[in-house]
């Protein structure tokens, strides 16, 4: 996919947001909690979309584990109508698969 920007600068990393299954079915609380757990599992392995020009620990295409506590505060960056990414710091990467 072609980037809609020229270059990501500095000590920053864009990671892809996993697709969330859309549903119009009303579910009970137990099912809702299970669906949230499944989404958290998807969020535990995120694909790196792009890295800033000074990042050396990962590269685009790597799969990483990001500190879950940092994910909830990560900024969502809309790159296009159909593509959003999360902005994280290299210091929030726990390991690379």
N, C-alpha and C. Protein backbone atom coordinates (compact mmCIF):
# COMPACT_ATOMS: atom_id res chain seq x y z
N UNK A 1 0.85 -1.18 0.00
CA UNK A 1 0.00 0.00 0.00
C UNK A 1 0.89 1.24 0.00
N UNK A 2 0.62 2.17 -0.87
CA UNK A 2 1.39 3.40 -0.94
C UNK A 2 1.03 4.30 0.24
N UNK A 3 2.03 4.92 0.81
CA UNK A 3 1.82 5.81 1.95
C UNK A 3 1.24 7.14 1.47
N UNK A 4 0.39 7.71 2.30
CA UNK A 4 -0.22 9.00 1.97
C UNK A 4 0.61 10.16 2.51
N UNK A 5 1.81 9.88 2.99
CA UNK A 5 2.71 10.89 3.53
C UNK A 5 4.12 10.58 3.04
N UNK A 6 5.01 11.53 3.18
CA UNK A 6 6.36 11.34 2.66
C UNK A 6 7.24 10.50 3.58
N UNK A 7 7.30 10.85 4.87
CA UNK A 7 8.19 10.16 5.79
C UNK A 7 7.71 10.34 7.22
N UNK A 8 7.84 9.29 8.03
CA UNK A 8 7.56 9.39 9.46
C UNK A 8 8.86 9.81 10.14
N UNK A 9 8.81 10.85 10.92
CA UNK A 9 10.00 11.42 11.52
C UNK A 9 10.18 11.01 12.97
N UNK A 10 11.44 11.03 13.40
CA UNK A 10 11.77 10.88 14.81
C UNK A 10 11.66 9.47 15.36
N UNK A 11 11.44 9.42 16.64
CA UNK A 11 11.42 8.18 17.41
C UNK A 11 9.97 7.71 17.58
N UNK A 12 9.32 7.42 16.45
CA UNK A 12 7.90 7.07 16.45
C UNK A 12 7.68 5.80 15.62
N UNK A 13 6.59 5.11 15.96
CA UNK A 13 6.23 3.89 15.23
C UNK A 13 4.73 3.92 14.98
N UNK A 14 4.32 3.60 13.74
CA UNK A 14 2.92 3.37 13.42
C UNK A 14 2.69 1.86 13.41
N UNK A 15 1.66 1.41 14.13
CA UNK A 15 1.26 0.01 14.07
C UNK A 15 -0.17 -0.07 13.54
N UNK A 16 -0.44 -1.14 12.80
CA UNK A 16 -1.77 -1.32 12.22
C UNK A 16 -2.77 -1.70 13.29
N UNK A 17 -3.99 -1.24 13.12
CA UNK A 17 -5.08 -1.57 14.03
C UNK A 17 -5.80 -2.79 13.47
N UNK A 18 -5.92 -3.88 14.26
CA UNK A 18 -6.64 -5.06 13.75
C UNK A 18 -8.09 -4.71 13.44
N UNK A 19 -8.61 -5.38 12.45
CA UNK A 19 -10.02 -5.18 12.09
C UNK A 19 -10.91 -5.67 13.21
N UNK A 20 -11.89 -4.86 13.55
CA UNK A 20 -12.87 -5.24 14.57
C UNK A 20 -14.10 -5.77 13.84
N UNK A 21 -14.54 -6.96 14.24
CA UNK A 21 -15.71 -7.56 13.62
C UNK A 21 -16.94 -6.75 14.00
N UNK A 22 -17.63 -6.25 12.98
CA UNK A 22 -18.85 -5.48 13.21
C UNK A 22 -20.02 -6.44 13.37
N UNK A 23 -20.85 -6.14 14.35
CA UNK A 23 -22.02 -6.98 14.59
C UNK A 23 -23.18 -6.11 15.03
N UNK A 24 -24.35 -6.44 14.53
CA UNK A 24 -25.55 -5.72 14.94
C UNK A 24 -26.40 -6.57 15.87
N UNK A 25 -25.81 -7.68 16.33
CA UNK A 25 -26.51 -8.57 17.24
C UNK A 25 -26.29 -8.08 18.67
N UNK A 26 -27.35 -8.03 19.44
CA UNK A 26 -27.24 -7.66 20.85
C UNK A 26 -26.86 -8.92 21.63
N UNK A 27 -25.79 -8.79 22.44
CA UNK A 27 -25.29 -9.94 23.19
C UNK A 27 -25.34 -9.66 24.68
N UNK A 28 -25.31 -10.74 25.47
CA UNK A 28 -25.31 -10.58 26.93
C UNK A 28 -23.92 -10.14 27.41
N UNK A 29 -23.80 -9.80 28.68
CA UNK A 29 -22.54 -9.29 29.23
C UNK A 29 -21.41 -10.31 29.15
N UNK A 30 -21.69 -11.60 29.38
CA UNK A 30 -20.65 -12.62 29.30
C UNK A 30 -20.06 -12.71 27.88
N UNK A 31 -20.94 -12.67 26.90
CA UNK A 31 -20.49 -12.72 25.52
C UNK A 31 -19.71 -11.46 25.16
N UNK A 32 -20.19 -10.31 25.63
CA UNK A 32 -19.50 -9.05 25.37
C UNK A 32 -18.09 -9.08 25.96
N UNK A 33 -17.94 -9.60 27.18
CA UNK A 33 -16.61 -9.72 27.81
C UNK A 33 -15.71 -10.66 27.03
N UNK A 34 -16.26 -11.76 26.54
CA UNK A 34 -15.48 -12.70 25.75
C UNK A 34 -15.01 -12.06 24.44
N UNK A 35 -15.88 -11.31 23.81
CA UNK A 35 -15.49 -10.62 22.58
C UNK A 35 -14.39 -9.59 22.85
N UNK A 36 -14.45 -8.92 23.99
CA UNK A 36 -13.40 -7.97 24.36
C UNK A 36 -12.08 -8.69 24.61
N UNK A 37 -12.13 -9.87 25.23
CA UNK A 37 -10.90 -10.66 25.46
C UNK A 37 -10.29 -11.08 24.13
N UNK A 38 -11.13 -11.48 23.19
CA UNK A 38 -10.64 -11.87 21.87
C UNK A 38 -10.00 -10.69 21.15
N UNK A 39 -10.58 -9.50 21.29
CA UNK A 39 -9.99 -8.31 20.67
C UNK A 39 -8.65 -7.99 21.32
N UNK A 40 -8.54 -8.16 22.62
CA UNK A 40 -7.26 -7.93 23.31
C UNK A 40 -6.19 -8.90 22.82
N UNK A 41 -6.58 -10.14 22.52
CA UNK A 41 -5.63 -11.10 21.97
C UNK A 41 -5.12 -10.62 20.62
N UNK A 42 -6.02 -10.09 19.79
CA UNK A 42 -5.61 -9.54 18.49
C UNK A 42 -4.65 -8.37 18.69
N UNK A 43 -4.88 -7.58 19.73
CA UNK A 43 -4.06 -6.40 19.98
C UNK A 43 -2.70 -6.77 20.56
N UNK A 44 -2.51 -8.03 20.96
CA UNK A 44 -1.22 -8.40 21.53
C UNK A 44 -0.15 -8.60 20.46
N UNK A 45 -0.55 -8.84 19.23
CA UNK A 45 0.40 -8.97 18.12
C UNK A 45 0.00 -7.97 17.05
N UNK A 46 0.77 -6.90 16.97
CA UNK A 46 0.46 -5.84 16.02
C UNK A 46 1.55 -5.75 14.96
N UNK A 47 1.12 -5.49 13.74
CA UNK A 47 2.06 -5.37 12.63
C UNK A 47 2.52 -3.92 12.52
N UNK A 48 3.83 -3.74 12.39
CA UNK A 48 4.41 -2.41 12.24
C UNK A 48 4.12 -1.92 10.82
N UNK A 49 3.49 -0.77 10.72
CA UNK A 49 3.17 -0.18 9.42
C UNK A 49 4.35 0.67 8.91
N UNK A 50 4.94 1.47 9.80
CA UNK A 50 6.07 2.33 9.42
C UNK A 50 6.82 2.74 10.69
N UNK A 51 8.08 3.12 10.51
CA UNK A 51 8.90 3.58 11.64
C UNK A 51 9.51 4.93 11.31
N UNK A 52 9.76 5.71 12.35
CA UNK A 52 10.40 7.01 12.19
C UNK A 52 11.83 6.84 11.69
N UNK A 53 12.39 7.94 11.20
CA UNK A 53 13.70 7.88 10.56
C UNK A 53 14.86 7.57 11.50
N UNK A 54 14.65 7.62 12.82
CA UNK A 54 15.75 7.27 13.72
C UNK A 54 15.52 5.96 14.48
N UNK A 55 14.42 5.26 14.18
CA UNK A 55 14.11 3.99 14.86
C UNK A 55 14.93 2.87 14.23
N UNK A 56 15.62 2.11 15.07
CA UNK A 56 16.47 1.02 14.58
C UNK A 56 16.05 -0.36 15.12
N UNK A 57 15.17 -0.40 16.13
CA UNK A 57 14.86 -1.68 16.78
C UNK A 57 13.86 -2.53 16.00
N UNK A 58 13.02 -1.90 15.19
CA UNK A 58 12.04 -2.63 14.39
C UNK A 58 11.98 -2.00 13.01
N UNK A 59 11.34 -2.74 12.09
CA UNK A 59 11.15 -2.21 10.74
C UNK A 59 9.71 -2.49 10.31
N UNK A 60 9.28 -1.83 9.27
CA UNK A 60 7.93 -2.04 8.74
C UNK A 60 7.75 -3.51 8.40
N UNK A 61 6.60 -4.06 8.78
CA UNK A 61 6.31 -5.46 8.52
C UNK A 61 6.56 -6.37 9.71
N UNK A 62 7.36 -5.92 10.70
CA UNK A 62 7.59 -6.72 11.91
C UNK A 62 6.30 -6.86 12.70
N UNK A 63 6.19 -7.93 13.46
CA UNK A 63 5.08 -8.12 14.39
C UNK A 63 5.62 -7.90 15.79
N UNK A 64 4.94 -7.04 16.55
CA UNK A 64 5.46 -6.63 17.86
C UNK A 64 4.41 -6.76 18.94
N UNK A 65 4.89 -6.83 20.17
CA UNK A 65 4.04 -6.74 21.35
C UNK A 65 4.23 -5.36 21.94
N UNK A 66 3.15 -4.61 22.05
CA UNK A 66 3.19 -3.26 22.61
C UNK A 66 2.61 -3.33 24.02
N UNK A 67 3.21 -2.58 24.94
CA UNK A 67 2.73 -2.51 26.32
C UNK A 67 1.23 -2.22 26.32
N UNK A 68 0.40 -3.14 26.84
CA UNK A 68 -1.05 -2.95 26.79
C UNK A 68 -1.50 -1.67 27.50
N UNK A 69 -0.81 -1.27 28.55
CA UNK A 69 -1.16 -0.05 29.25
C UNK A 69 -0.97 1.19 28.40
N UNK A 70 -0.05 1.13 27.45
CA UNK A 70 0.22 2.28 26.57
C UNK A 70 -0.74 2.30 25.38
N UNK A 71 -1.28 1.13 25.00
CA UNK A 71 -2.17 1.07 23.84
C UNK A 71 -3.44 1.88 24.05
N UNK A 72 -3.96 1.86 25.27
CA UNK A 72 -5.22 2.58 25.51
C UNK A 72 -5.07 4.08 25.35
N UNK A 73 -3.85 4.59 25.52
CA UNK A 73 -3.61 6.02 25.37
C UNK A 73 -2.98 6.37 24.02
N UNK A 74 -2.75 5.37 23.17
CA UNK A 74 -2.11 5.63 21.88
C UNK A 74 -3.01 6.46 20.99
N UNK A 75 -2.41 7.37 20.26
CA UNK A 75 -3.16 8.24 19.36
C UNK A 75 -3.49 7.48 18.07
N UNK A 76 -4.74 7.59 17.64
CA UNK A 76 -5.16 7.01 16.36
C UNK A 76 -4.89 8.03 15.27
N UNK A 77 -4.15 7.62 14.25
CA UNK A 77 -3.79 8.50 13.14
C UNK A 77 -4.55 8.04 11.89
N UNK A 78 -5.45 8.86 11.37
CA UNK A 78 -6.14 8.49 10.12
C UNK A 78 -5.24 8.79 8.92
N UNK A 79 -4.81 7.74 8.24
CA UNK A 79 -3.95 7.92 7.06
C UNK A 79 -4.76 8.09 5.79
N UNK A 80 -5.92 7.46 5.75
CA UNK A 80 -6.82 7.58 4.60
C UNK A 80 -8.22 7.22 5.08
N UNK A 81 -9.17 7.22 4.17
CA UNK A 81 -10.55 6.88 4.55
C UNK A 81 -10.67 5.45 5.07
N UNK A 82 -9.81 4.55 4.57
CA UNK A 82 -9.92 3.15 4.97
C UNK A 82 -8.76 2.66 5.83
N UNK A 83 -7.81 3.52 6.19
CA UNK A 83 -6.65 3.07 6.95
C UNK A 83 -6.35 3.99 8.12
N UNK A 84 -6.42 3.43 9.34
CA UNK A 84 -6.00 4.12 10.55
C UNK A 84 -4.87 3.32 11.17
N UNK A 85 -3.97 4.00 11.86
CA UNK A 85 -2.87 3.34 12.57
C UNK A 85 -2.78 3.94 13.97
N UNK A 86 -2.06 3.23 14.84
CA UNK A 86 -1.79 3.74 16.18
C UNK A 86 -0.36 4.26 16.22
N UNK A 87 -0.17 5.38 16.88
CA UNK A 87 1.16 5.96 17.06
C UNK A 87 1.69 5.51 18.42
N UNK A 88 2.82 4.79 18.42
CA UNK A 88 3.43 4.32 19.67
C UNK A 88 4.90 4.70 19.69
N UNK A 89 5.47 4.62 20.86
CA UNK A 89 6.89 4.90 21.04
C UNK A 89 7.68 3.60 20.99
N UNK A 90 8.92 3.64 20.53
CA UNK A 90 9.76 2.43 20.57
C UNK A 90 9.94 1.90 22.00
N UNK A 91 9.83 2.79 22.97
CA UNK A 91 9.97 2.40 24.37
C UNK A 91 8.78 1.58 24.86
N UNK A 92 7.67 1.60 24.09
CA UNK A 92 6.48 0.83 24.45
C UNK A 92 6.49 -0.57 23.83
N UNK A 93 7.46 -0.85 22.96
CA UNK A 93 7.60 -2.17 22.35
C UNK A 93 8.25 -3.09 23.35
N UNK A 94 7.59 -4.22 23.67
CA UNK A 94 8.13 -5.17 24.63
C UNK A 94 9.00 -6.19 23.94
N UNK A 95 8.53 -6.74 22.83
CA UNK A 95 9.37 -7.64 22.04
C UNK A 95 8.86 -7.75 20.61
N UNK A 96 9.71 -8.33 19.77
CA UNK A 96 9.42 -8.51 18.35
C UNK A 96 9.35 -10.00 18.08
N UNK A 97 8.33 -10.43 17.32
CA UNK A 97 8.24 -11.86 16.97
C UNK A 97 9.08 -12.11 15.74
